[in-house]
């Protein structure tokens, strides 16, 4: 699965991320996404990447490096969560959608369409 994730990264994430950044006038930079780092990561044993149990922590080698750099265990052992949940963005979107009596998907679609129309008018 990890190999598949890496080989399809451009299709699943990078193209989308680059477009979003470009639409905001930001150049996407990925300093850790180099061939050398990808090759190193692909050669690492699975045990360095994730725990092999039901409640897996991922990115173990990065957590170990962070500990050696002095970060507290409360930080290095914290489970990974998607950014929209840890920042409260998901909660805010749900609230905005509910106010318009829409699902989050419907709300985002309307905002996206409205923004595209506005951008086309401005050109």
PDB file of N, CA and C in Angstrom:
ATOM      1  N   UNK A   1       0.820  -1.198   0.000  1.00  0.00           N
ATOM      2  CA  UNK A   1       0.000   0.000   0.000  1.00  0.00           C
ATOM      3  C   UNK A   1       0.866   1.266   0.000  1.00  0.00           C
ATOM      4  N   UNK A   2       1.950   1.228   0.782  1.00  0.00           N
ATOM      5  CA  UNK A   2       2.814   2.409   0.847  1.00  0.00           C
ATOM      6  C   UNK A   2       3.426   2.720  -0.514  1.00  0.00           C
ATOM      7  N   UNK A   3       3.870   1.663  -1.212  1.00  0.00           N
ATOM      8  CA  UNK A   3       4.455   1.856  -2.536  1.00  0.00           C
ATOM      9  C   UNK A   3       3.430   2.455  -3.492  1.00  0.00           C
ATOM     10  N   UNK A   4       2.209   1.965  -3.423  1.00  0.00           N
ATOM     11  CA  UNK A   4       1.132   2.483  -4.275  1.00  0.00           C
ATOM     12  C   UNK A   4       0.876   3.959  -3.949  1.00  0.00           C
ATOM     13  N   UNK A   5       0.854   4.306  -2.654  1.00  0.00           N
ATOM     14  CA  UNK A   5       0.655   5.701  -2.250  1.00  0.00           C
ATOM     15  C   UNK A   5       1.719   6.606  -2.860  1.00  0.00           C
ATOM     16  N   UNK A   6       2.966   6.148  -2.827  1.00  0.00           N
ATOM     17  CA  UNK A   6       4.070   6.951  -3.350  1.00  0.00           C
ATOM     18  C   UNK A   6       3.965   7.099  -4.866  1.00  0.00           C
ATOM     19  N   UNK A   7       3.685   6.003  -5.554  1.00  0.00           N
ATOM     20  CA  UNK A   7       3.640   6.065  -7.019  1.00  0.00           C
ATOM     21  C   UNK A   7       2.436   6.857  -7.530  1.00  0.00           C
ATOM     22  N   UNK A   8       1.389   6.952  -6.744  1.00  0.00           N
ATOM     23  CA  UNK A   8       0.195   7.689  -7.172  1.00  0.00           C
ATOM     24  C   UNK A   8       0.064   9.059  -6.501  1.00  0.00           C
ATOM     25  N   UNK A   9       1.104   9.463  -5.775  1.00  0.00           N
ATOM     26  CA  UNK A   9       1.073  10.718  -5.041  1.00  0.00           C
ATOM     27  C   UNK A   9       0.753  11.908  -5.934  1.00  0.00           C
ATOM     28  N   UNK A  10       1.356  11.944  -7.111  1.00  0.00           N
ATOM     29  CA  UNK A  10       1.107  13.078  -8.004  1.00  0.00           C
ATOM     30  C   UNK A  10      -0.371  13.154  -8.391  1.00  0.00           C
ATOM     31  N   UNK A  11      -0.938  12.015  -8.744  1.00  0.00           N
ATOM     32  CA  UNK A  11      -2.342  11.990  -9.179  1.00  0.00           C
ATOM     33  C   UNK A  11      -3.299  12.292  -8.037  1.00  0.00           C
ATOM     34  N   UNK A  12      -3.010  11.778  -6.848  1.00  0.00           N
ATOM     35  CA  UNK A  12      -3.967  11.894  -5.752  1.00  0.00           C
ATOM     36  C   UNK A  12      -3.834  13.173  -4.939  1.00  0.00           C
ATOM     37  N   UNK A  13      -2.639  13.717  -4.832  1.00  0.00           N
ATOM     38  CA  UNK A  13      -2.459  14.865  -3.956  1.00  0.00           C
ATOM     39  C   UNK A  13      -1.751  16.051  -4.592  1.00  0.00           C
ATOM     40  N   UNK A  14      -0.601  15.814  -5.209  1.00  0.00           N
ATOM     41  CA  UNK A  14       0.257  16.912  -5.615  1.00  0.00           C
ATOM     42  C   UNK A  14      -0.364  17.808  -6.677  1.00  0.00           C
ATOM     43  N   UNK A  15      -1.015  17.217  -7.651  1.00  0.00           N
ATOM     44  CA  UNK A  15      -1.635  18.030  -8.697  1.00  0.00           C
ATOM     45  C   UNK A  15      -2.703  18.941  -8.094  1.00  0.00           C
ATOM     46  N   UNK A  16      -3.535  18.365  -7.223  1.00  0.00           N
ATOM     47  CA  UNK A  16      -4.583  19.144  -6.552  1.00  0.00           C
ATOM     48  C   UNK A  16      -3.962  20.253  -5.709  1.00  0.00           C
ATOM     49  N   UNK A  17      -2.957  19.907  -4.909  1.00  0.00           N
ATOM     50  CA  UNK A  17      -2.329  20.880  -4.026  1.00  0.00           C
ATOM     51  C   UNK A  17      -1.671  22.010  -4.817  1.00  0.00           C
ATOM     52  N   UNK A  18      -1.009  21.670  -5.912  1.00  0.00           N
ATOM     53  CA  UNK A  18      -0.359  22.687  -6.748  1.00  0.00           C
ATOM     54  C   UNK A  18      -1.392  23.642  -7.344  1.00  0.00           C
ATOM     55  N   UNK A  19      -2.524  23.104  -7.780  1.00  0.00           N
ATOM     56  CA  UNK A  19      -3.581  23.954  -8.349  1.00  0.00           C
ATOM     57  C   UNK A  19      -4.157  24.895  -7.299  1.00  0.00           C
ATOM     58  N   UNK A  20      -4.384  24.372  -6.105  1.00  0.00           N
ATOM     59  CA  UNK A  20      -4.932  25.204  -5.032  1.00  0.00           C
ATOM     60  C   UNK A  20      -3.954  26.315  -4.678  1.00  0.00           C
ATOM     61  N   UNK A  21      -2.695  25.969  -4.546  1.00  0.00           N
ATOM     62  CA  UNK A  21      -1.682  26.980  -4.231  1.00  0.00           C
ATOM     63  C   UNK A  21      -1.593  28.020  -5.345  1.00  0.00           C
ATOM     64  N   UNK A  22      -1.558  27.556  -6.585  1.00  0.00           N
ATOM     65  CA  UNK A  22      -1.444  28.475  -7.726  1.00  0.00           C
ATOM     66  C   UNK A  22      -2.631  29.435  -7.777  1.00  0.00           C
ATOM     67  N   UNK A  23      -3.822  28.939  -7.468  1.00  0.00           N
ATOM     68  CA  UNK A  23      -5.000  29.810  -7.512  1.00  0.00           C
ATOM     69  C   UNK A  23      -4.927  30.904  -6.458  1.00  0.00           C
ATOM     70  N   UNK A  24      -4.085  30.704  -5.449  1.00  0.00           N
ATOM     71  CA  UNK A  24      -3.897  31.706  -4.388  1.00  0.00           C
ATOM     72  C   UNK A  24      -2.607  32.490  -4.574  1.00  0.00           C
ATOM     73  N   UNK A  25      -1.929  32.264  -5.712  1.00  0.00           N
ATOM     74  CA  UNK A  25      -0.690  32.968  -5.988  1.00  0.00           C
ATOM     75  C   UNK A  25       0.489  32.472  -5.169  1.00  0.00           C
ATOM     76  N   UNK A  26       0.431  31.212  -4.743  1.00  0.00           N
ATOM     77  CA  UNK A  26       1.499  30.629  -3.925  1.00  0.00           C
ATOM     78  C   UNK A  26       2.144  29.488  -4.702  1.00  0.00           C
ATOM     79  N   UNK A  27       3.466  29.448  -4.653  1.00  0.00           N
ATOM     80  CA  UNK A  27       4.186  28.352  -5.301  1.00  0.00           C
ATOM     81  C   UNK A  27       4.340  27.209  -4.305  1.00  0.00           C
ATOM     82  N   UNK A  28       3.888  26.025  -4.673  1.00  0.00           N
ATOM     83  CA  UNK A  28       4.004  24.856  -3.814  1.00  0.00           C
ATOM     84  C   UNK A  28       5.444  24.382  -3.799  1.00  0.00           C
ATOM     85  N   UNK A  29       5.995  24.231  -2.603  1.00  0.00           N
ATOM     86  CA  UNK A  29       7.364  23.719  -2.453  1.00  0.00           C
ATOM     87  C   UNK A  29       7.333  22.537  -1.510  1.00  0.00           C
ATOM     88  N   UNK A  30       8.015  21.489  -1.890  1.00  0.00           N
ATOM     89  CA  UNK A  30       8.028  20.254  -1.114  1.00  0.00           C
ATOM     90  C   UNK A  30       9.476  19.803  -0.931  1.00  0.00           C
ATOM     91  N   UNK A  31      10.204  20.431  -0.004  1.00  0.00           N
ATOM     92  CA  UNK A  31      11.643  20.148   0.124  1.00  0.00           C
ATOM     93  C   UNK A  31      11.963  18.717   0.539  1.00  0.00           C
ATOM     94  N   UNK A  32      11.047  18.023   1.170  1.00  0.00           N
ATOM     95  CA  UNK A  32      11.331  16.654   1.595  1.00  0.00           C
ATOM     96  C   UNK A  32      10.853  15.625   0.577  1.00  0.00           C
ATOM     97  N   UNK A  33      10.273  16.077  -0.504  1.00  0.00           N
ATOM     98  CA  UNK A  33       9.782  15.166  -1.530  1.00  0.00           C
ATOM     99  C   UNK A  33      10.787  15.113  -2.674  1.00  0.00           C
ATOM    100  N   UNK A  34      11.913  14.494  -2.370  1.00  0.00           N
ATOM    101  CA  UNK A  34      12.960  14.335  -3.371  1.00  0.00           C
ATOM    102  C   UNK A  34      13.160  12.847  -3.629  1.00  0.00           C
ATOM    103  N   UNK A  35      13.762  12.546  -4.749  1.00  0.00           N
ATOM    104  CA  UNK A  35      14.025  11.137  -5.087  1.00  0.00           C
ATOM    105  C   UNK A  35      14.861  10.465  -3.995  1.00  0.00           C
ATOM    106  N   UNK A  36      15.883  11.165  -3.508  1.00  0.00           N
ATOM    107  CA  UNK A  36      16.768  10.587  -2.492  1.00  0.00           C
ATOM    108  C   UNK A  36      16.024  10.230  -1.210  1.00  0.00           C
ATOM    109  N   UNK A  37      15.190  11.128  -0.742  1.00  0.00           N
ATOM    110  CA  UNK A  37      14.433  10.852   0.487  1.00  0.00           C
ATOM    111  C   UNK A  37      13.412   9.746   0.242  1.00  0.00           C
ATOM    112  N   UNK A  38      12.767   9.757  -0.922  1.00  0.00           N
ATOM    113  CA  UNK A  38      11.796   8.700  -1.243  1.00  0.00           C
ATOM    114  C   UNK A  38      12.479   7.337  -1.301  1.00  0.00           C
ATOM    115  N   UNK A  39      13.666   7.289  -1.895  1.00  0.00           N
ATOM    116  CA  UNK A  39      14.392   6.020  -1.966  1.00  0.00           C
ATOM    117  C   UNK A  39      14.818   5.542  -0.579  1.00  0.00           C
ATOM    118  N   UNK A  40      15.296   6.468   0.246  1.00  0.00           N
ATOM    119  CA  UNK A  40      15.677   6.118   1.613  1.00  0.00           C
ATOM    120  C   UNK A  40      14.470   5.568   2.377  1.00  0.00           C
ATOM    121  N   UNK A  41      13.355   6.258   2.294  1.00  0.00           N
ATOM    122  CA  UNK A  41      12.143   5.826   2.998  1.00  0.00           C
ATOM    123  C   UNK A  41      11.661   4.471   2.506  1.00  0.00           C
ATOM    124  N   UNK A  42      11.763   4.220   1.208  1.00  0.00           N
ATOM    125  CA  UNK A  42      11.287   2.938   0.671  1.00  0.00           C
ATOM    126  C   UNK A  42      12.154   1.765   1.123  1.00  0.00           C
ATOM    127  N   UNK A  43      13.410   2.048   1.482  1.00  0.00           N
ATOM    128  CA  UNK A  43      14.320   0.987   1.928  1.00  0.00           C
ATOM    129  C   UNK A  43      14.229   0.726   3.433  1.00  0.00           C
ATOM    130  N   UNK A  44      13.598   1.641   4.168  1.00  0.00           N
ATOM    131  CA  UNK A  44      13.492   1.468   5.619  1.00  0.00           C
ATOM    132  C   UNK A  44      12.555   0.324   5.958  1.00  0.00           C
ATOM    133  N   UNK A  45      12.875  -0.419   6.995  1.00  0.00           N
ATOM    134  CA  UNK A  45      11.966  -1.483   7.436  1.00  0.00           C
ATOM    135  C   UNK A  45      10.635  -0.895   7.905  1.00  0.00           C
ATOM    136  N   UNK A  46       9.577  -1.620   7.691  1.00  0.00           N
ATOM    137  CA  UNK A  46       8.237  -1.173   8.066  1.00  0.00           C
ATOM    138  C   UNK A  46       8.161  -0.798   9.545  1.00  0.00           C
ATOM    139  N   UNK A  47       8.897  -1.507  10.400  1.00  0.00           N
ATOM    140  CA  UNK A  47       8.863  -1.253  11.838  1.00  0.00           C
ATOM    141  C   UNK A  47       9.320   0.168  12.187  1.00  0.00           C
ATOM    142  N   UNK A  48      10.125   0.799  11.313  1.00  0.00           N
ATOM    143  CA  UNK A  48      10.556   2.173  11.552  1.00  0.00           C
ATOM    144  C   UNK A  48       9.510   3.180  11.098  1.00  0.00           C
ATOM    145  N   UNK A  49       8.555   2.712  10.326  1.00  0.00           N
ATOM    146  CA  UNK A  49       7.548   3.610   9.774  1.00  0.00           C
ATOM    147  C   UNK A  49       6.257   3.609  10.580  1.00  0.00           C
ATOM    148  N   UNK A  50       5.850   2.433  11.039  1.00  0.00           N
ATOM    149  CA  UNK A  50       4.589   2.365  11.787  1.00  0.00           C
ATOM    150  C   UNK A  50       4.567   1.172  12.715  1.00  0.00           C
ATOM    151  N   UNK A  51       3.812   1.321  13.808  1.00  0.00           N
ATOM    152  CA  UNK A  51       3.644   0.218  14.737  1.00  0.00           C
ATOM    153  C   UNK A  51       2.757  -0.829  14.083  1.00  0.00           C
ATOM    154  N   UNK A  52       2.992  -2.064  14.401  1.00  0.00           N
ATOM    155  CA  UNK A  52       2.242  -3.145  13.764  1.00  0.00           C
ATOM    156  C   UNK A  52       1.151  -3.677  14.692  1.00  0.00           C
ATOM    157  N   UNK A  53       0.257  -2.787  15.126  1.00  0.00           N
ATOM    158  CA  UNK A  53      -0.892  -3.202  15.926  1.00  0.00           C
ATOM    159  C   UNK A  53      -2.122  -2.403  15.520  1.00  0.00           C
ATOM    160  N   UNK A  54      -3.230  -2.665  16.163  1.00  0.00           N
ATOM    161  CA  UNK A  54      -4.496  -2.053  15.763  1.00  0.00           C
ATOM    162  C   UNK A  54      -4.489  -0.526  15.880  1.00  0.00           C
ATOM    163  N   UNK A  55      -3.905  -0.006  16.934  1.00  0.00           N
ATOM    164  CA  UNK A  55      -3.874   1.448  17.144  1.00  0.00           C
ATOM    165  C   UNK A  55      -2.525   1.999  16.711  1.00  0.00           C
ATOM    166  N   UNK A  56      -2.260   1.944  15.427  1.00  0.00           N
ATOM    167  CA  UNK A  56      -0.923   2.254  14.928  1.00  0.00           C
ATOM    168  C   UNK A  56      -0.602   3.737  14.971  1.00  0.00           C
ATOM    169  N   UNK A  57       0.614   4.030  15.386  1.00  0.00           N
ATOM    170  CA  UNK A  57       1.182   5.355  15.219  1.00  0.00           C
ATOM    171  C   UNK A  57       2.007   5.293  13.946  1.00  0.00           C
ATOM    172  N   UNK A  58       1.899   6.313  13.130  1.00  0.00           N
ATOM    173  CA  UNK A  58       2.659   6.340  11.892  1.00  0.00           C
ATOM    174  C   UNK A  58       3.863   7.254  12.035  1.00  0.00           C
ATOM    175  N   UNK A  59       4.737   7.207  11.055  1.00  0.00           N
ATOM    176  CA  UNK A  59       5.910   8.073  10.976  1.00  0.00           C
ATOM    177  C   UNK A  59       6.800   7.924  12.212  1.00  0.00           C
ATOM    178  N   UNK A  60       7.032   6.684  12.602  1.00  0.00           N
ATOM    179  CA  UNK A  60       7.791   6.418  13.820  1.00  0.00           C
ATOM    180  C   UNK A  60       9.201   6.979  13.788  1.00  0.00           C
ATOM    181  N   UNK A  61       9.890   6.851  12.671  1.00  0.00           N
ATOM    182  CA  UNK A  61      11.267   7.334  12.601  1.00  0.00           C
ATOM    183  C   UNK A  61      11.305   8.851  12.807  1.00  0.00           C
ATOM    184  N   UNK A  62      10.324   9.573  12.299  1.00  0.00           N
ATOM    185  CA  UNK A  62      10.269  11.021  12.509  1.00  0.00           C
ATOM    186  C   UNK A  62       9.982  11.350  13.971  1.00  0.00           C
ATOM    187  N   UNK A  63       9.152  10.538  14.597  1.00  0.00           N
ATOM    188  CA  UNK A  63       8.846  10.728  16.019  1.00  0.00           C
ATOM    189  C   UNK A  63      10.108  10.508  16.865  1.00  0.00           C
ATOM    190  N   UNK A  64      10.887   9.483  16.502  1.00  0.00           N
ATOM    191  CA  UNK A  64      12.123   9.191  17.241  1.00  0.00           C
ATOM    192  C   UNK A  64      13.135  10.327  17.082  1.00  0.00           C
ATOM    193  N   UNK A  65      13.241  10.852  15.881  1.00  0.00           N
ATOM    194  CA  UNK A  65      14.154  11.975  15.643  1.00  0.00           C
ATOM    195  C   UNK A  65      13.697  13.184  16.459  1.00  0.00           C
ATOM    196  N   UNK A  66      12.388  13.436  16.473  1.00  0.00           N
ATOM    197  CA  UNK A  66      11.861  14.567  17.243  1.00  0.00           C
ATOM    198  C   UNK A  66      12.173  14.411  18.730  1.00  0.00           C
ATOM    199  N   UNK A  67      12.058  13.196  19.238  1.00  0.00           N
ATOM    200  CA  UNK A  67      12.405  12.939  20.650  1.00  0.00           C
ATOM    201  C   UNK A  67      13.877  13.222  20.906  1.00  0.00           C
ATOM    202  N   UNK A  68      14.742  12.777  19.989  1.00  0.00           N
ATOM    203  CA  UNK A  68      16.186  13.007  20.155  1.00  0.00           C
ATOM    204  C   UNK A  68      16.530  14.490  20.077  1.00  0.00           C
ATOM    205  N   UNK A  69      15.690  15.254  19.384  1.00  0.00           N
ATOM    206  CA  UNK A  69      15.897  16.703  19.304  1.00  0.00           C
ATOM    207  C   UNK A  69      15.358  17.426  20.533  1.00  0.00           C
ATOM    208  N   UNK A  70      14.704  16.667  21.434  1.00  0.00           N
ATOM    209  CA  UNK A  70      14.252  17.254  22.687  1.00  0.00           C
ATOM    210  C   UNK A  70      12.770  17.559  22.793  1.00  0.00           C
ATOM    211  N   UNK A  71      11.986  17.207  21.778  1.00  0.00           N
ATOM    212  CA  UNK A  71      10.544  17.441  21.894  1.00  0.00           C
ATOM    213  C   UNK A  71       9.963  16.493  22.929  1.00  0.00           C
ATOM    214  N   UNK A  72       8.997  16.950  23.711  1.00  0.00           N
ATOM    215  CA  UNK A  72       8.422  16.091  24.752  1.00  0.00           C
ATOM    216  C   UNK A  72       7.579  14.964  24.155  1.00  0.00           C
ATOM    217  N   UNK A  73       7.461  13.877  24.922  1.00  0.00           N
ATOM    218  CA  UNK A  73       6.666  12.721  24.475  1.00  0.00           C
ATOM    219  C   UNK A  73       5.206  13.103  24.230  1.00  0.00           C
ATOM    220  N   UNK A  74       4.714  14.114  24.936  1.00  0.00           N
ATOM    221  CA  UNK A  74       3.327  14.554  24.724  1.00  0.00           C
ATOM    222  C   UNK A  74       3.127  15.042  23.293  1.00  0.00           C
ATOM    223  N   UNK A  75       4.203  15.473  22.660  1.00  0.00           N
ATOM    224  CA  UNK A  75       4.150  15.908  21.263  1.00  0.00           C
ATOM    225  C   UNK A  75       4.467  14.746  20.333  1.00  0.00           C
ATOM    226  N   UNK A  76       5.549  14.030  20.625  1.00  0.00           N
ATOM    227  CA  UNK A  76       6.003  12.988  19.708  1.00  0.00           C
ATOM    228  C   UNK A  76       5.098  11.764  19.682  1.00  0.00           C
ATOM    229  N   UNK A  77       4.320  11.539  20.720  1.00  0.00           N
ATOM    230  CA  UNK A  77       3.427  10.380  20.750  1.00  0.00           C
ATOM    231  C   UNK A  77       1.982  10.728  20.448  1.00  0.00           C
ATOM    232  N   UNK A  78       1.749  11.949  20.040  1.00  0.00           N
ATOM    233  CA  UNK A  78       0.394  12.389  19.722  1.00  0.00           C
ATOM    234  C   UNK A  78      -0.041  11.754  18.397  1.00  0.00           C
ATOM    235  N   UNK A  79      -1.242  11.164  18.363  1.00  0.00           N
ATOM    236  CA  UNK A  79      -1.713  10.557  17.106  1.00  0.00           C
ATOM    237  C   UNK A  79      -1.856  11.602  16.005  1.00  0.00           C
ATOM    238  N   UNK A  80      -1.576  11.184  14.783  1.00  0.00           N
ATOM    239  CA  UNK A  80      -1.709  12.060  13.624  1.00  0.00           C
ATOM    240  C   UNK A  80      -3.183  12.271  13.319  1.00  0.00           C
ATOM    241  N   UNK A  81      -3.547  13.518  13.101  1.00  0.00           N
ATOM    242  CA  UNK A  81      -4.915  13.845  12.692  1.00  0.00           C
ATOM    243  C   UNK A  81      -4.833  14.753  11.472  1.00  0.00           C
ATOM    244  N   UNK A  82      -5.834  14.648  10.635  1.00  0.00           N
ATOM    245  CA  UNK A  82      -5.877  15.516   9.463  1.00  0.00           C
ATOM    246  C   UNK A  82      -5.981  16.972   9.925  1.00  0.00           C
ATOM    247  N   UNK A  83      -5.355  17.858   9.189  1.00  0.00           N
ATOM    248  CA  UNK A  83      -5.264  19.258   9.607  1.00  0.00           C
ATOM    249  C   UNK A  83      -6.636  19.914   9.787  1.00  0.00           C
ATOM    250  N   UNK A  84      -7.620  19.511   8.994  1.00  0.00           N
ATOM    251  CA  UNK A  84      -8.929  20.154   9.112  1.00  0.00           C
ATOM    252  C   UNK A  84      -9.589  19.880  10.458  1.00  0.00           C
ATOM    253  N   UNK A  85      -9.200  18.788  11.116  1.00  0.00           N
ATOM    254  CA  UNK A  85      -9.772  18.474  12.422  1.00  0.00           C
ATOM    255  C   UNK A  85      -9.001  19.150  13.544  1.00  0.00           C
ATOM    256  N   UNK A  86      -7.688  19.197  13.437  1.00  0.00           N
ATOM    257  CA  UNK A  86      -6.885  19.790  14.512  1.00  0.00           C
ATOM    258  C   UNK A  86      -6.968  21.306  14.518  1.00  0.00           C
ATOM    259  N   UNK A  87      -7.277  21.925  13.397  1.00  0.00           N
ATOM    260  CA  UNK A  87      -7.359  23.387  13.339  1.00  0.00           C
ATOM    261  C   UNK A  87      -8.765  23.910  13.592  1.00  0.00           C
ATOM    262  N   UNK A  88      -9.752  23.025  13.598  1.00  0.00           N
ATOM    263  CA  UNK A  88     -11.129  23.467  13.792  1.00  0.00           C
ATOM    264  C   UNK A  88     -11.831  23.836  12.494  1.00  0.00           C
ATOM    265  N   UNK A  89     -11.134  23.689  11.376  1.00  0.00           N
ATOM    266  CA  UNK A  89     -11.727  24.034  10.080  1.00  0.00           C
ATOM    267  C   UNK A  89     -12.961  23.194   9.795  1.00  0.00           C
ATOM    268  N   UNK A  90     -12.890  21.911  10.106  1.00  0.00           N
ATOM    269  CA  UNK A  90     -14.035  21.027   9.872  1.00  0.00           C
ATOM    270  C   UNK A  90     -15.254  21.502  10.649  1.00  0.00           C
ATOM    271  N   UNK A  91     -15.057  21.850  11.900  1.00  0.00           N
ATOM    272  CA  UNK A  91     -16.149  22.330  12.755  1.00  0.00           C
ATOM    273  C   UNK A  91     -16.752  23.624  12.200  1.00  0.00           C
ATOM    274  N   UNK A  92     -15.881  24.535  11.767  1.00  0.00           N
ATOM    275  CA  UNK A  92     -16.343  25.807  11.203  1.00  0.00           C
ATOM    276  C   UNK A  92     -17.145  25.590   9.921  1.00  0.00           C
ATOM    277  N   UNK A  93     -16.659  24.684   9.058  1.00  0.00           N
ATOM    278  CA  UNK A  93     -17.385  24.402   7.810  1.00  0.00           C
ATOM    279  C   UNK A  93     -18.749  23.788   8.084  1.00  0.00           C
ATOM    280  N   UNK A  94     -18.813  22.898   9.057  1.00  0.00           N
ATOM    281  CA  UNK A  94     -20.104  22.294   9.420  1.00  0.00           C
ATOM    282  C   UNK A  94     -21.090  23.359   9.897  1.00  0.00           C
ATOM    283  N   UNK A  95     -20.585  24.287  10.683  1.00  0.00           N
ATOM    284  CA  UNK A  95     -21.437  25.364  11.209  1.00  0.00           C
ATOM    285  C   UNK A  95     -21.947  26.264  10.078  1.00  0.00           C
ATOM    286  N   UNK A  96     -21.059  26.636   9.172  1.00  0.00           N
ATOM    287  CA  UNK A  96     -21.442  27.482   8.036  1.00  0.00           C
ATOM    288  C   UNK A  96     -22.450  26.772   7.135  1.00  0.00           C
ATOM    289  N   UNK A  97     -22.213  25.491   6.865  1.00  0.00           N
ATOM    290  CA  UNK A  97     -23.119  24.714   6.012  1.00  0.00           C
ATOM    291  C   UNK A  97     -24.484  24.577   6.675  1.00  0.00           C
ATOM    292  N   UNK A  98     -24.485  24.312   7.947  1.00  0.00           N
ATOM    293  CA  UNK A  98     -25.746  24.144   8.681  1.00  0.00           C
ATOM    294  C   UNK A  98     -26.572  25.428   8.638  1.00  0.00           C
ATOM    295  N   UNK A  99     -25.909  26.567   8.758  1.00  0.00           N
ATOM    296  CA  UNK A  99     -26.605  27.858   8.710  1.00  0.00           C
ATOM    297  C   UNK A  99     -27.309  28.064   7.379  1.00  0.00           C
ATOM    298  N   UNK A 100     -26.771  27.457   6.321  1.00  0.00           N
ATOM    299  CA  UNK A 100     -27.379  27.560   4.980  1.00  0.00           C
ATOM    300  C   UNK A 100     -28.249  26.344   4.668  1.00  0.00           C
ATOM    301  N   UNK A 101     -28.394  25.459   5.658  1.00  0.00           N
ATOM    302  CA  UNK A 101     -29.169  24.220   5.510  1.00  0.00           C
ATOM    303  C   UNK A 101     -28.637  23.352   4.362  1.00  0.00           C
ATOM    304  N   UNK A 102     -27.311  23.223   4.337  1.00  0.00           N
ATOM    305  CA  UNK A 102     -26.631  22.429   3.318  1.00  0.00           C
ATOM    306  C   UNK A 102     -25.699  21.432   4.000  1.00  0.00           C
ATOM    307  N   UNK A 103     -25.325  20.403   3.265  1.00  0.00           N
ATOM    308  CA  UNK A 103     -24.254  19.532   3.741  1.00  0.00           C
ATOM    309  C   UNK A 103     -22.943  20.287   3.520  1.00  0.00           C
ATOM    310  N   UNK A 104     -21.873  19.836   4.131  1.00  0.00           N
ATOM    311  CA  UNK A 104     -20.572  20.487   3.933  1.00  0.00           C
ATOM    312  C   UNK A 104     -20.187  20.407   2.459  1.00  0.00           C
ATOM    313  N   UNK A 105     -20.416  19.260   1.848  1.00  0.00           N
ATOM    314  CA  UNK A 105     -20.084  19.095   0.427  1.00  0.00           C
ATOM    315  C   UNK A 105     -20.862  20.106  -0.433  1.00  0.00           C
ATOM    316  N   UNK A 106     -22.150  20.233  -0.183  1.00  0.00           N
ATOM    317  CA  UNK A 106     -22.973  21.179  -0.950  1.00  0.00           C
ATOM    318  C   UNK A 106     -22.512  22.619  -0.723  1.00  0.00           C
ATOM    319  N   UNK A 107     -22.215  22.940   0.524  1.00  0.00           N
ATOM    320  CA  UNK A 107     -21.754  24.287   0.859  1.00  0.00           C
ATOM    321  C   UNK A 107     -20.451  24.614   0.128  1.00  0.00           C
ATOM    322  N   UNK A 108     -19.495  23.691   0.187  1.00  0.00           N
ATOM    323  CA  UNK A 108     -18.209  23.923  -0.478  1.00  0.00           C
ATOM    324  C   UNK A 108     -18.370  24.029  -1.987  1.00  0.00           C
ATOM    325  N   UNK A 109     -19.256  23.226  -2.554  1.00  0.00           N
ATOM    326  CA  UNK A 109     -19.510  23.290  -3.997  1.00  0.00           C
ATOM    327  C   UNK A 109     -20.042  24.668  -4.379  1.00  0.00           C
ATOM    328  N   UNK A 110     -20.980  25.184  -3.600  1.00  0.00           N
ATOM    329  CA  UNK A 110     -21.543  26.515  -3.887  1.00  0.00           C
ATOM    330  C   UNK A 110     -20.479  27.612  -3.743  1.00  0.00           C
ATOM    331  N   UNK A 111     -19.662  27.530  -2.718  1.00  0.00           N
ATOM    332  CA  UNK A 111     -18.602  28.523  -2.527  1.00  0.00           C
ATOM    333  C   UNK A 111     -17.610  28.453  -3.682  1.00  0.00           C
ATOM    334  N   UNK A 112     -17.250  27.243  -4.073  1.00  0.00           N
ATOM    335  CA  UNK A 112     -16.316  27.055  -5.178  1.00  0.00           C
ATOM    336  C   UNK A 112     -16.876  27.647  -6.476  1.00  0.00           C
ATOM    337  N   UNK A 113     -18.123  27.322  -6.782  1.00  0.00           N
ATOM    338  CA  UNK A 113     -18.744  27.825  -8.011  1.00  0.00           C
ATOM    339  C   UNK A 113     -18.839  29.344  -7.988  1.00  0.00           C
ATOM    340  N   UNK A 114     -19.216  29.902  -6.858  1.00  0.00           N
ATOM    341  CA  UNK A 114     -19.321  31.354  -6.725  1.00  0.00           C
ATOM    342  C   UNK A 114     -17.960  32.021  -6.917  1.00  0.00           C
ATOM    343  N   UNK A 115     -16.942  31.440  -6.340  1.00  0.00           N
ATOM    344  CA  UNK A 115     -15.592  31.983  -6.459  1.00  0.00           C
ATOM    345  C   UNK A 115     -15.115  31.920  -7.905  1.00  0.00           C
ATOM    346  N   UNK A 116     -15.396  30.808  -8.582  1.00  0.00           N
ATOM    347  CA  UNK A 116     -14.992  30.667  -9.990  1.00  0.00           C
ATOM    348  C   UNK A 116     -15.696  31.703 -10.855  1.00  0.00           C
ATOM    349  N   UNK A 117     -16.988  31.890 -10.623  1.00  0.00           N
ATOM    350  CA  UNK A 117     -17.731  32.902 -11.403  1.00  0.00           C
ATOM    351  C   UNK A 117     -17.141  34.287 -11.184  1.00  0.00           C
ATOM    352  N   UNK A 118     -16.824  34.604  -9.922  1.00  0.00           N
ATOM    353  CA  UNK A 118     -16.257  35.911  -9.601  1.00  0.00           C
ATOM    354  C   UNK A 118     -14.904  36.094 -10.273  1.00  0.00           C
ATOM    355  N   UNK A 119     -14.076  35.058 -10.236  1.00  0.00           N
ATOM    356  CA  UNK A 119     -12.751  35.139 -10.842  1.00  0.00           C
ATOM    357  C   UNK A 119     -12.853  35.331 -12.357  1.00  0.00           C
ATOM    358  N   UNK A 120     -13.824  34.675 -12.974  1.00  0.00           N
ATOM    359  CA  UNK A 120     -13.991  34.804 -14.428  1.00  0.00           C
ATOM    360  C   UNK A 120     -14.476  36.206 -14.780  1.00  0.00           C
ATOM    361  N   UNK A 121     -15.302  36.793 -13.952  1.00  0.00           N
ATOM    362  CA  UNK A 121     -15.792  38.167 -14.173  1.00  0.00           C
ATOM    363  C   UNK A 121     -14.663  39.165 -14.086  1.00  0.00           C
ATOM    364  N   UNK A 122     -13.767  38.940 -13.108  1.00  0.00           N
ATOM    365  CA  UNK A 122     -12.657  39.863 -12.870  1.00  0.00           C
ATOM    366  C   UNK A 122     -11.633  39.849 -13.985  1.00  0.00           C
ATOM    367  N   UNK A 123     -11.579  38.756 -14.750  1.00  0.00           N
ATOM    368  CA  UNK A 123     -10.586  38.656 -15.842  1.00  0.00           C
ATOM    369  C   UNK A 123     -10.991  39.431 -17.020  1.00  0.00           C
TER     370      UNK A 123
END
